[in-house]
C-alpha atoms as a PDB file:
ATOM      1  CA  MET A   1      -3.911 -21.332 -14.095  1.00  0.00           C
ATOM      2  CA  GLY A   2      -2.083 -20.030 -11.079  1.00  0.00           C
ATOM      3  CA  LEU A   3      -2.086 -21.465  -7.586  1.00  0.00           C
ATOM      4  CA  GLN A   4      -4.609 -18.843  -6.460  1.00  0.00           C
ATOM      5  CA  ASN A   5      -7.283 -20.850  -8.324  1.00  0.00           C
ATOM      6  CA  PHE A   6      -6.815 -23.876  -6.065  1.00  0.00           C
ATOM      7  CA  LEU A   7      -7.704 -24.476  -2.441  1.00  0.00           C
ATOM      8  CA  LEU A   8      -5.733 -26.680  -0.037  1.00  0.00           C
ATOM      9  CA  TRP A   9      -8.054 -28.419   2.405  1.00  0.00           C
ATOM     10  CA  ASN A  10      -7.263 -31.558   4.447  1.00  0.00           C
ATOM     11  CA  ASN A  11      -3.994 -31.957   2.518  1.00  0.00           C
ATOM     12  CA  LYS A  12      -5.878 -32.133  -0.810  1.00  0.00           C
ATOM     13  CA  TRP A  13      -5.943 -29.535  -3.593  1.00  0.00           C
ATOM     14  CA  PHE A  14      -9.336 -28.512  -4.964  1.00  0.00           C
ATOM     15  CA  ASP A  15      -9.906 -26.598  -8.201  1.00  0.00           C
ATOM     16  CA  LEU A  16     -12.036 -23.505  -7.576  1.00  0.00           C
ATOM     17  CA  GLY A  17     -12.995 -23.288 -11.247  1.00  0.00           C
ATOM     18  CA  ILE A  18     -11.945 -19.650 -11.518  1.00  0.00           C
ATOM     19  CA  GLU A  19     -10.798 -18.648 -14.987  1.00  0.00           C
ATOM     20  CA  GLU A  20      -8.024 -16.077 -15.260  1.00  0.00           C
ATOM     21  CA  VAL A  21      -8.966 -12.921 -17.106  1.00  0.00           C
ATOM     22  CA  VAL A  22      -6.218 -11.555 -19.326  1.00  0.00           C
ATOM     23  CA  MET A  23      -6.525  -8.020 -20.647  1.00  0.00           C
ATOM     24  CA  SER A  24      -5.591  -7.626 -24.273  1.00  0.00           C
ATOM     25  CA  GLN A  25      -2.739  -5.220 -24.951  1.00  0.00           C
ATOM     26  CA  LYS A  26      -4.566  -3.447 -27.762  1.00  0.00           C
ATOM     27  CA  CYS A  27      -5.655   0.153 -28.291  1.00  0.00           C
ATOM     28  CA  MET A  28      -9.438   0.364 -28.626  1.00  0.00           C
ATOM     29  CA  ILE A  29      -9.211   3.119 -31.231  1.00  0.00           C
ATOM     30  CA  THR A  30      -6.055   2.684 -33.309  1.00  0.00           C
ATOM     31  CA  GLY A  31      -5.738  -1.101 -32.885  1.00  0.00           C
ATOM     32  CA  LYS A  32      -2.043  -0.960 -31.986  1.00  0.00           C
ATOM     33  CA  LYS A  33      -0.795  -4.268 -30.555  1.00  0.00           C
ATOM     34  CA  PRO A  34       2.514  -5.498 -29.084  1.00  0.00           C
ATOM     35  CA  LEU A  35       5.476  -6.003 -31.386  1.00  0.00           C
ATOM     36  CA  VAL A  36       7.462  -9.240 -31.087  1.00  0.00           C
ATOM     37  CA  GLY A  37      11.137  -9.446 -31.877  1.00  0.00           C
ATOM     38  CA  ASN A  38      14.492 -10.607 -30.629  1.00  0.00           C
ATOM     39  CA  HIS A  39      16.730  -9.120 -27.968  1.00  0.00           C
ATOM     40  CA  VAL A  40      20.212  -9.653 -29.407  1.00  0.00           C
ATOM     41  CA  SER A  41      23.178  -9.676 -27.057  1.00  0.00           C
ATOM     42  CA  HIS A  42      26.766  -8.797 -27.914  1.00  0.00           C
ATOM     43  CA  ALA A  43      27.449 -12.534 -28.275  1.00  0.00           C
ATOM     44  CA  ASN A  44      24.575 -12.682 -30.797  1.00  0.00           C
ATOM     45  CA  ASN A  45      22.336 -14.702 -28.466  1.00  0.00           C
ATOM     46  CA  LYS A  46      18.720 -14.173 -29.421  1.00  0.00           C
ATOM     47  CA  VAL A  47      15.920 -14.145 -26.879  1.00  0.00           C
ATOM     48  CA  LYS A  48      12.300 -13.378 -27.726  1.00  0.00           C
ATOM     49  CA  ARG A  49      11.010 -10.089 -26.388  1.00  0.00           C
ATOM     50  CA  ARG A  50       7.794  -8.141 -26.570  1.00  0.00           C
ATOM     51  CA  GLN A  51       7.341  -4.389 -26.950  1.00  0.00           C
ATOM     52  CA  ASN A  52       3.972  -3.397 -25.497  1.00  0.00           C
ATOM     53  CA  PRO A  53       2.218  -0.173 -26.490  1.00  0.00           C
ATOM     54  CA  ASN A  54       1.845   2.493 -23.803  1.00  0.00           C
ATOM     55  CA  LEU A  55      -1.823   1.891 -22.960  1.00  0.00           C
ATOM     56  CA  GLN A  56      -3.783   3.976 -20.459  1.00  0.00           C
ATOM     57  CA  TRP A  57      -7.366   3.884 -19.221  1.00  0.00           C
ATOM     58  CA  LYS A  58      -8.909   7.335 -19.706  1.00  0.00           C
ATOM     59  CA  LYS A  59     -12.299   8.913 -19.108  1.00  0.00           C
ATOM     60  CA  ILE A  60     -12.868  11.308 -21.994  1.00  0.00           C
ATOM     61  CA  TYR A  61     -15.585  13.950 -21.870  1.00  0.00           C
ATOM     62  CA  ILE A  62     -17.650  14.424 -25.028  1.00  0.00           C
ATOM     63  CA  PRO A  63     -19.267  17.892 -24.879  1.00  0.00           C
ATOM     64  CA  GLU A  64     -21.548  17.210 -27.870  1.00  0.00           C
ATOM     65  CA  MET A  65     -23.225  14.353 -25.981  1.00  0.00           C
ATOM     66  CA  ASP A  66     -22.636  15.728 -22.459  1.00  0.00           C
ATOM     67  CA  ARG A  67     -21.206  12.424 -21.206  1.00  0.00           C
ATOM     68  CA  TYR A  68     -17.970  10.628 -20.343  1.00  0.00           C
ATOM     69  CA  VAL A  69     -16.566   7.561 -22.109  1.00  0.00           C
ATOM     70  CA  ARG A  70     -13.971   5.262 -20.557  1.00  0.00           C
ATOM     71  CA  VAL A  71     -11.531   3.878 -23.145  1.00  0.00           C
ATOM     72  CA  ARG A  72      -8.171   2.136 -23.165  1.00  0.00           C
ATOM     73  CA  LEU A  73      -5.909   3.874 -25.632  1.00  0.00           C
ATOM     74  CA  THR A  74      -2.291   4.608 -26.434  1.00  0.00           C
ATOM     75  CA  THR A  75      -0.699   7.870 -25.409  1.00  0.00           C
ATOM     76  CA  ARG A  76      -0.218   8.701 -29.102  1.00  0.00           C
ATOM     77  CA  ALA A  77      -3.977   8.386 -29.678  1.00  0.00           C
ATOM     78  CA  LEU A  78      -4.611  10.543 -26.601  1.00  0.00           C
ATOM     79  CA  ARG A  79      -2.443  13.328 -28.033  1.00  0.00           C
ATOM     80  CA  THR A  80      -4.318  13.161 -31.333  1.00  0.00           C
ATOM     81  CA  ILE A  81      -7.669  13.263 -29.510  1.00  0.00           C
ATOM     82  CA  ASN A  82      -6.534  16.405 -27.668  1.00  0.00           C
ATOM     83  CA  LYS A  83      -5.711  17.992 -31.016  1.00  0.00           C
ATOM     84  CA  LYS A  84      -8.692  16.887 -33.158  1.00  0.00           C
ATOM     85  CA  GLY A  85     -11.463  16.064 -30.710  1.00  0.00           C
ATOM     86  CA  PHE A  86     -12.801  12.639 -29.810  1.00  0.00           C
ATOM     87  CA  LEU A  87     -15.706  12.286 -32.241  1.00  0.00           C
ATOM     88  CA  SER A  88     -13.773  13.613 -35.247  1.00  0.00           C
ATOM     89  CA  PHE A  89     -10.875  11.249 -34.424  1.00  0.00           C
ATOM     90  CA  LEU A  90     -13.301   8.308 -34.324  1.00  0.00           C
ATOM     91  CA  LYS A  91     -14.795   9.425 -37.645  1.00  0.00           C
ATOM     92  CA  ASP A  92     -11.343   9.590 -39.278  1.00  0.00           C
ATOM     93  CA  ASN A  93     -10.625   6.019 -38.112  1.00  0.00           C
ATOM     94  CA  GLY A  94     -13.981   4.760 -39.386  1.00  0.00           C
ATOM     95  CA  LEU A  95     -15.383   4.044 -35.923  1.00  0.00           C
ATOM     96  CA  LYS A  96     -18.482   5.023 -34.011  1.00  0.00           C
ATOM     97  CA  LEU A  97     -18.959   5.454 -30.299  1.00  0.00           C
ATOM     98  CA  LYS A  98     -21.036   2.280 -30.273  1.00  0.00           C
ATOM     99  CA  ASP A  99     -17.996   0.265 -31.516  1.00  0.00           C
ATOM    100  CA  LEU A 100     -16.008   1.062 -28.366  1.00  0.00           C
ATOM    101  CA  THR A 101     -18.501  -0.294 -25.842  1.00  0.00           C
END
């Protein structure tokens, strides 16, 4: 918990009971997650690093249903959706529209 979850009043700290919300770094469609590895320097020092996928929030229009859907997906999935169409891409991945909400 960060300091923003506490209140200083009369020189005493009070817990506000606010839980931090952490967004998962995962594509809603393809399931891609961050990769973990080592950053290796020239001196062969190893430090843990994390490679996050390029996730974007997008509103995608589905003409068959005449509605918009807001999803968090990778840019690679967005390119495939532009090529195949949203519902056929979900079908190929074994998902339904209900699974995303």
